[in-house]
């Protein structure tokens, strides 16, 4: 009996030891699993931290970039303010001096005539054109071309072209104007012209020319005078007649246009209030339009030897870096008159003319519809 009991106790102990061993093995495996999980978690956390750090750097870069751009914008604004202050303080800019002749024949400008000078036909499609006739009108005190054109429903360009007006400022009280009963342009037939080519050039129907001129056939000869209904005066002729035509002040290569550019000395981006035309020293410089010399100056750190001419309708022109000045202050200058010679005086990198054009004391781009060769 005792022997049986001892064997039973031994069995129980062996069983317990086996279970304990198995339990220890399971516990060890569990610890390894947990350690592996901890390592994975640490690795995951490390990757997340690195990602966070990288993301934080991008945020910093974004912030730094924003600050840099704002600083650049502030510096740009400061330079712009300095440029504008210099522009306002220059002696040749006469504040409030628009120089428009009140009550003269120049007082025609309005939004109604803003399309003048395009050279395009303005006759509406389908309009029936009859033979053109005209009547005489005598200019009265206080008349302007715009008022006359409104009264008789005729375009200003038609009045200019039909009366062969070369300068509207020379129309005086008592002058006789012919007022046609329809808009258009007079035309003198040139050698090689045909009615078909004339109609095509002006983009109007051939029959309109036949009707307006009471023609029975298309046969025309050089020297014949026609009326082209619906045609507009060219921009060149319009500006020439109204005194707003500017001619090139010199011959040469365009070396720098109007607008922002890198300063040739400092490399700083600055506004260039004019155009530079490069050529040899001594090249003739001419007045872009008739006017009066109002400033003769010398700016060793700027335009060098320069001239400013005041024109009508609020325009002023400046000619800089001259080698010679050939006019005197207060002198009346005609369009195309030689006023100086090109040079490299002042702040200049080579022989050229700096040409600026101002409208009511505001610089405008001379190449945007102002200058003509």
Protein backbone atom coordinates (compact mmCIF):
# COMPACT_ATOMS: atom_id res chain seq x y z
CA UNK A 1 0.00 0.00 0.00
CA UNK A 2 2.80 2.32 0.96
CA UNK A 3 4.68 1.47 -2.19
CA UNK A 4 1.64 2.34 -4.29
CA UNK A 5 1.28 5.63 -2.52
CA UNK A 6 4.92 6.50 -3.10
CA UNK A 7 4.58 5.76 -6.80
CA UNK A 8 1.48 7.94 -7.00
CA UNK A 9 3.29 10.79 -5.30
CA UNK A 10 6.24 10.35 -7.67
CA UNK A 11 3.86 10.45 -10.62
CA UNK A 12 2.29 13.61 -9.35
CA UNK A 13 5.70 15.25 -8.85
CA UNK A 14 6.88 14.29 -12.32
CA UNK A 15 3.64 15.60 -13.76
CA UNK A 16 4.02 18.86 -11.87
CA UNK A 17 7.63 19.26 -12.94
CA UNK A 18 6.68 18.63 -16.57
CA UNK A 19 3.90 21.17 -16.35
CA UNK A 20 6.24 23.65 -14.72
CA UNK A 21 8.77 23.09 -17.48
CA UNK A 22 6.15 23.49 -20.09
CA UNK A 23 4.89 26.61 -18.32
CA UNK A 24 8.43 28.03 -18.18
CA UNK A 25 8.88 27.36 -21.87
CA UNK A 26 5.59 29.05 -22.62
CA UNK A 27 6.53 31.98 -20.38
CA UNK A 28 9.92 32.30 -22.14
CA UNK A 29 8.27 32.21 -25.54
CA UNK A 30 5.79 34.85 -24.38
CA UNK A 31 8.62 37.08 -23.15
CA UNK A 32 10.43 36.73 -26.46
CA UNK A 33 7.22 37.64 -28.25
CA UNK A 34 6.76 40.67 -26.04
CA UNK A 35 10.38 41.73 -26.55
CA UNK A 36 9.93 41.37 -30.29
CA UNK A 37 6.81 43.49 -30.10
CA UNK A 38 8.69 46.09 -28.08
CA UNK A 39 11.46 46.15 -30.67
CA UNK A 40 8.91 46.56 -33.46
CA UNK A 41 7.17 49.29 -31.52
CA UNK A 42 10.48 51.05 -30.90
CA UNK A 43 11.34 50.78 -34.58
CA UNK A 44 7.89 52.08 -35.50
CA UNK A 45 8.24 54.97 -33.05
CA UNK A 46 11.71 55.77 -34.42
CA UNK A 47 10.40 55.85 -37.97
CA UNK A 48 7.52 58.04 -36.89
CA UNK A 49 9.94 60.35 -35.12
CA UNK A 50 12.11 60.61 -38.19
CA UNK A 51 9.03 61.31 -40.30
CA UNK A 52 7.95 63.92 -37.77
CA UNK A 53 11.38 65.52 -37.84
CA UNK A 54 11.36 65.58 -41.65
CA UNK A 55 7.86 67.04 -41.67
CA UNK A 56 8.93 69.62 -39.12
CA UNK A 57 11.88 70.62 -41.31
CA UNK A 58 9.55 71.10 -44.25
CA UNK A 59 7.40 73.29 -42.07
CA UNK A 60 10.45 75.28 -41.08
CA UNK A 61 11.48 75.60 -44.71
CA UNK A 62 7.99 76.80 -45.54
CA UNK A 63 8.14 79.38 -42.75
CA UNK A 64 11.63 80.50 -43.76
CA UNK A 65 10.53 80.76 -47.41
CA UNK A 66 7.51 82.84 -46.44
CA UNK A 67 9.67 85.19 -44.35
CA UNK A 68 12.18 85.45 -47.21
CA UNK A 69 9.46 86.30 -49.74
CA UNK A 70 7.89 88.86 -47.42
CA UNK A 71 11.30 90.45 -46.84
CA UNK A 72 11.91 90.54 -50.60
CA UNK A 73 8.52 92.14 -51.16
CA UNK A 74 9.31 94.74 -48.48
CA UNK A 75 12.68 95.54 -50.08
CA UNK A 76 11.01 95.74 -53.51
CA UNK A 77 8.40 98.15 -52.09
CA UNK A 78 11.16 100.30 -50.59
CA UNK A 79 12.99 100.51 -53.92
CA UNK A 80 9.71 101.26 -55.69
CA UNK A 81 9.00 104.05 -53.20
CA UNK A 82 12.51 105.48 -53.72
CA UNK A 83 12.09 105.33 -57.51
CA UNK A 84 8.73 107.08 -57.32
CA UNK A 85 10.13 109.73 -54.95
CA UNK A 86 13.03 110.39 -57.29
CA UNK A 87 10.54 110.58 -60.14
CA UNK A 88 8.41 113.13 -58.26
CA UNK A 89 11.41 115.17 -57.13
CA UNK A 90 13.08 115.51 -60.54
CA UNK A 91 13.20 119.11 -61.67
CA UNK A 92 11.71 118.47 -65.08
CA UNK A 93 8.42 117.11 -63.73
CA UNK A 94 6.19 120.12 -63.25
CA UNK A 95 3.38 119.12 -60.91
CA UNK A 96 -0.10 120.07 -62.08
CA UNK A 97 1.20 121.36 -65.42
CA UNK A 98 -0.98 119.67 -68.04
CA UNK A 99 -0.59 122.34 -70.75
CA UNK A 100 -3.91 121.64 -72.47
CA UNK A 101 -5.16 124.62 -74.48
CA UNK A 102 -8.69 125.16 -73.20
CA UNK A 103 -11.22 125.99 -75.86
CA UNK A 104 -8.91 125.03 -78.73
CA UNK A 105 -9.66 122.60 -81.54
CA UNK A 106 -7.74 119.97 -79.55
CA UNK A 107 -10.64 119.57 -77.13
CA UNK A 108 -12.19 116.67 -78.99
CA UNK A 109 -10.93 113.77 -76.93
CA UNK A 110 -13.59 111.66 -75.26
CA UNK A 111 -14.43 107.99 -74.78
CA UNK A 112 -16.71 108.31 -77.78
CA UNK A 113 -13.67 108.79 -80.02
CA UNK A 114 -11.34 106.36 -78.26
CA UNK A 115 -11.34 104.06 -81.29
CA UNK A 116 -10.15 106.73 -83.67
CA UNK A 117 -7.11 106.04 -85.76
CA UNK A 118 -7.51 102.27 -85.98
CA UNK A 119 -7.71 102.38 -89.79
CA UNK A 120 -10.62 99.91 -89.74
CA UNK A 121 -13.99 100.45 -91.38
CA UNK A 122 -16.81 101.42 -89.07
CA UNK A 123 -19.73 101.24 -91.53
CA UNK A 124 -22.28 98.74 -90.26
CA UNK A 125 -22.95 95.72 -92.52
CA UNK A 126 -25.97 96.10 -94.73
CA UNK A 127 -25.96 99.91 -94.75
CA UNK A 128 -27.10 101.29 -98.10
CA UNK A 129 -24.64 103.91 -99.40
CA UNK A 130 -25.81 106.64 -101.74
CA UNK A 131 -23.84 109.30 -103.59
CA UNK A 132 -21.90 111.40 -101.08
CA UNK A 133 -22.65 115.10 -100.88
CA UNK A 134 -21.33 117.80 -98.56
CA UNK A 135 -22.12 121.30 -97.33
CA UNK A 136 -20.01 124.20 -96.05
CA UNK A 137 -19.70 125.07 -92.38
CA UNK A 138 -17.97 128.14 -90.95
CA UNK A 139 -16.12 127.65 -87.67
CA UNK A 140 -17.54 129.80 -84.87
CA UNK A 141 -16.10 130.98 -81.56
CA UNK A 142 -15.96 128.08 -79.08
CA UNK A 143 -16.31 125.36 -81.70
CA UNK A 144 -14.43 122.09 -81.31
CA UNK A 145 -14.17 119.22 -83.77
CA UNK A 146 -15.91 116.90 -81.32
CA UNK A 147 -18.88 119.23 -81.01
CA UNK A 148 -19.12 119.70 -84.77
CA UNK A 149 -18.90 115.94 -85.34
CA UNK A 150 -21.61 115.26 -82.75
CA UNK A 151 -23.88 117.93 -84.19
CA UNK A 152 -23.74 116.46 -87.69
CA UNK A 153 -23.24 112.81 -86.66
CA UNK A 154 -19.88 112.59 -88.43
CA UNK A 155 -16.68 111.01 -87.17
CA UNK A 156 -13.81 113.37 -86.23
CA UNK A 157 -11.48 111.44 -88.54
CA UNK A 158 -13.84 112.05 -91.43
CA UNK A 159 -13.72 115.81 -90.81
CA UNK A 160 -9.92 115.73 -90.66
CA UNK A 161 -9.45 113.67 -93.81
CA UNK A 162 -12.24 115.24 -95.88
CA UNK A 163 -10.85 118.73 -95.23
CA UNK A 164 -7.20 117.66 -95.53
CA UNK A 165 -6.47 119.05 -92.06
CA UNK A 166 -2.78 118.60 -91.26
CA UNK A 167 -2.92 120.36 -87.90
CA UNK A 168 -6.16 120.88 -85.98
CA UNK A 169 -4.48 123.67 -83.99
CA UNK A 170 -4.43 125.82 -87.12
CA UNK A 171 -8.18 125.91 -87.55
CA UNK A 172 -9.38 129.35 -86.56
CA UNK A 173 -12.69 131.10 -86.18
CA UNK A 174 -14.10 131.84 -89.65
CA UNK A 175 -12.44 128.86 -91.35
CA UNK A 176 -14.65 126.93 -93.78
CA UNK A 177 -15.11 123.19 -93.34
CA UNK A 178 -16.86 120.80 -95.69
CA UNK A 179 -19.18 118.40 -93.88
CA UNK A 180 -19.93 115.18 -95.83
CA UNK A 181 -23.24 113.46 -95.23
CA UNK A 182 -21.62 110.10 -94.48
CA UNK A 183 -18.44 108.85 -92.81
CA UNK A 184 -15.45 107.81 -94.86
CA UNK A 185 -12.18 108.93 -96.43
CA UNK A 186 -11.24 110.74 -99.64
CA UNK A 187 -8.86 108.71 -101.78
CA UNK A 188 -6.70 109.62 -104.81
CA UNK A 189 -6.29 106.71 -107.21
CA UNK A 190 -2.68 105.59 -107.68
CA UNK A 191 -1.11 103.86 -110.65
CA UNK A 192 -2.01 100.17 -110.62
CA UNK A 193 -5.10 100.64 -108.45
CA UNK A 194 -8.42 99.02 -109.26
CA UNK A 195 -11.75 99.43 -107.53
CA UNK A 196 -11.55 95.81 -106.46
CA UNK A 197 -8.12 96.26 -104.83
CA UNK A 198 -9.24 99.51 -103.14
CA UNK A 199 -12.36 97.82 -101.78
CA UNK A 200 -10.28 94.86 -100.57
CA UNK A 201 -7.67 97.10 -98.89
CA UNK A 202 -10.38 98.96 -96.99
CA UNK A 203 -12.47 95.83 -96.40
CA UNK A 204 -15.71 97.24 -97.77
CA UNK A 205 -18.04 96.04 -100.56
CA UNK A 206 -17.16 97.17 -104.07
CA UNK A 207 -20.73 98.33 -104.68
CA UNK A 208 -20.44 100.81 -101.78
CA UNK A 209 -17.62 102.61 -103.60
CA UNK A 210 -19.59 102.59 -106.86
CA UNK A 211 -22.68 104.01 -105.15
CA UNK A 212 -20.86 106.62 -103.06
CA UNK A 213 -19.06 107.98 -106.13
CA UNK A 214 -21.98 107.56 -108.58
CA UNK A 215 -19.88 105.36 -110.87
CA UNK A 216 -21.42 103.37 -113.71
CA UNK A 217 -18.36 101.17 -114.27
CA UNK A 218 -15.27 99.95 -112.48
CA UNK A 219 -12.93 101.81 -114.84
CA UNK A 220 -10.72 104.27 -112.93
CA UNK A 221 -7.48 106.13 -113.72
CA UNK A 222 -4.53 107.34 -111.69
CA UNK A 223 -5.32 110.73 -110.19
CA UNK A 224 -9.08 110.17 -109.93
CA UNK A 225 -10.57 111.30 -106.62
CA UNK A 226 -12.84 108.86 -104.83
CA UNK A 227 -14.66 108.72 -101.52
CA UNK A 228 -14.33 105.47 -99.58
CA UNK A 229 -17.47 105.19 -97.43
CA UNK A 230 -17.01 103.64 -94.00
CA UNK A 231 -13.19 103.84 -94.04
CA UNK A 232 -11.31 105.30 -91.08
CA UNK A 233 -8.36 107.63 -91.01
CA UNK A 234 -5.04 105.90 -90.27
CA UNK A 235 -3.60 106.16 -86.80
CA UNK A 236 -0.54 107.96 -88.20
CA UNK A 237 -2.58 110.65 -90.00
CA UNK A 238 -4.93 111.03 -87.07
CA UNK A 239 -2.14 111.57 -84.54
CA UNK A 240 -0.26 113.83 -86.91
CA UNK A 241 -3.30 116.07 -87.37
CA UNK A 242 -4.15 116.17 -83.67
CA UNK A 243 -0.59 116.85 -82.55
CA UNK A 244 -0.11 113.55 -80.70
CA UNK A 245 2.35 112.00 -83.14
CA UNK A 246 5.84 111.35 -81.78
CA UNK A 247 8.70 110.51 -84.13
CA UNK A 248 11.81 108.55 -83.24
CA UNK A 249 14.34 110.95 -81.70
CA UNK A 250 17.35 109.19 -83.19
CA UNK A 251 18.49 106.16 -85.15
CA UNK A 252 19.96 103.19 -83.37
CA UNK A 253 19.45 99.80 -81.78
CA UNK A 254 16.99 99.33 -78.94
CA UNK A 255 19.35 98.26 -76.15
CA UNK A 256 16.92 98.50 -73.23
CA UNK A 257 13.10 98.79 -73.31
CA UNK A 258 10.72 100.44 -70.86
CA UNK A 259 10.08 98.43 -67.69
CA UNK A 260 11.85 96.58 -64.90
CA UNK A 261 15.41 95.44 -65.52
CA UNK A 262 18.64 94.62 -63.64
CA UNK A 263 20.65 97.76 -62.98
CA UNK A 264 23.76 97.57 -65.24
CA UNK A 265 25.94 98.78 -62.36
CA UNK A 266 24.49 97.16 -59.23
CA UNK A 267 22.44 94.29 -60.63
CA UNK A 268 19.47 95.38 -58.49
CA UNK A 269 16.11 95.04 -60.21
CA UNK A 270 14.83 98.57 -60.87
CA UNK A 271 12.30 100.34 -63.04
CA UNK A 272 13.63 101.82 -66.29
CA UNK A 273 11.43 104.82 -67.09
CA UNK A 274 12.24 105.08 -70.79
CA UNK A 275 13.96 103.36 -73.70
CA UNK A 276 17.64 103.24 -74.62
CA UNK A 277 18.67 103.60 -78.26
CA UNK A 278 22.34 102.78 -78.87
CA UNK A 279 24.51 104.18 -81.64
CA UNK A 280 27.85 105.94 -82.17
CA UNK A 281 28.87 109.03 -80.22
CA UNK A 282 27.80 112.11 -82.17
CA UNK A 283 24.67 110.55 -83.71
CA UNK A 284 22.02 113.25 -84.18
CA UNK A 285 19.24 113.52 -81.60
CA UNK A 286 16.03 115.22 -82.73
CA UNK A 287 12.91 116.51 -81.03
CA UNK A 288 10.21 113.85 -81.02
CA UNK A 289 7.52 116.56 -81.27
CA UNK A 290 7.40 120.34 -81.46
CA UNK A 291 7.53 122.10 -78.11
CA UNK A 292 9.52 124.33 -75.78
CA UNK A 293 12.79 123.51 -74.01
CA UNK A 294 12.12 123.74 -70.26
CA UNK A 295 15.22 122.11 -68.72
CA UNK A 296 18.88 121.82 -69.69
CA UNK A 297 20.68 119.80 -67.05
CA UNK A 298 23.72 117.79 -66.09
CA UNK A 299 23.48 114.79 -63.74
CA UNK A 300 26.93 113.15 -63.41
CA UNK A 301 25.37 110.23 -61.50
CA UNK A 302 22.22 110.11 -63.62
CA UNK A 303 21.23 111.25 -67.09
CA UNK A 304 24.45 113.20 -67.69
CA UNK A 305 23.78 116.02 -70.14
CA UNK A 306 20.03 116.01 -70.73
CA UNK A 307 17.22 118.06 -72.27
CA UNK A 308 13.54 118.20 -71.40
CA UNK A 309 11.01 119.53 -73.89
CA UNK A 310 7.43 120.40 -72.99
CA UNK A 311 4.79 119.58 -75.59
CA UNK A 312 1.08 120.22 -75.82
CA UNK A 313 -1.60 118.06 -74.20
CA UNK A 314 0.48 117.40 -71.09
CA UNK A 315 3.42 115.63 -72.75
CA UNK A 316 7.09 116.08 -71.89
CA UNK A 317 10.11 114.30 -73.37
CA UNK A 318 13.57 113.76 -71.92
CA UNK A 319 16.81 113.09 -73.82
CA UNK A 320 19.70 111.83 -71.66
CA UNK A 321 23.43 110.97 -71.85
CA UNK A 322 24.09 113.55 -74.59
CA UNK A 323 27.59 114.49 -75.70
CA UNK A 324 26.40 117.89 -76.96
CA UNK A 325 23.40 120.13 -76.31
CA UNK A 326 22.50 122.37 -79.25
CA UNK A 327 19.48 124.28 -77.88
CA UNK A 328 18.89 126.85 -75.13
CA UNK A 329 16.39 126.97 -72.32
CA UNK A 330 13.05 128.45 -73.37
CA UNK A 331 13.71 127.89 -77.07
CA UNK A 332 10.78 126.88 -79.28
CA UNK A 333 11.58 123.61 -81.08
CA UNK A 334 9.94 122.11 -84.16
CA UNK A 335 9.35 118.40 -84.64
CA UNK A 336 12.46 116.67 -86.05
CA UNK A 337 14.78 119.59 -85.24
CA UNK A 338 18.28 118.55 -84.14
CA UNK A 339 18.67 119.33 -80.43
CA UNK A 340 21.85 117.48 -79.51
CA UNK A 341 24.18 114.58 -80.15
CA UNK A 342 24.30 111.11 -78.64
CA UNK A 343 26.97 110.37 -76.07
CA UNK A 344 27.84 108.52 -72.88
CA UNK A 345 27.72 111.27 -70.27
CA UNK A 346 26.45 110.54 -66.76
CA UNK A 347 25.77 107.06 -65.45
CA UNK A 348 26.19 105.17 -68.69
CA UNK A 349 27.85 101.97 -69.89
CA UNK A 350 28.19 103.10 -73.50
CA UNK A 351 27.06 105.53 -76.17
CA UNK A 352 23.27 105.66 -76.28
CA UNK A 353 20.26 107.95 -75.92
CA UNK A 354 17.97 107.51 -72.94
CA UNK A 355 14.54 108.71 -74.12
CA UNK A 356 11.63 109.16 -71.72
CA UNK A 357 8.10 110.29 -72.44
CA UNK A 358 5.72 111.66 -69.78
CA UNK A 359 1.98 112.21 -69.95
CA UNK A 360 0.72 114.57 -67.23
CA UNK A 361 3.94 113.91 -65.29
CA UNK A 362 3.53 110.11 -65.44
CA UNK A 363 6.09 108.09 -67.46
CA UNK A 364 4.62 106.10 -70.35
CA UNK A 365 6.17 103.48 -72.60
CA UNK A 366 7.14 105.30 -75.83
CA UNK A 367 6.87 102.05 -77.79
CA UNK A 368 3.23 101.51 -76.81
CA UNK A 369 1.59 103.44 -79.64
CA UNK A 370 3.47 106.72 -79.31
CA UNK A 371 6.59 106.57 -81.48
CA UNK A 372 6.54 106.43 -85.28
CA UNK A 373 9.44 106.28 -87.68
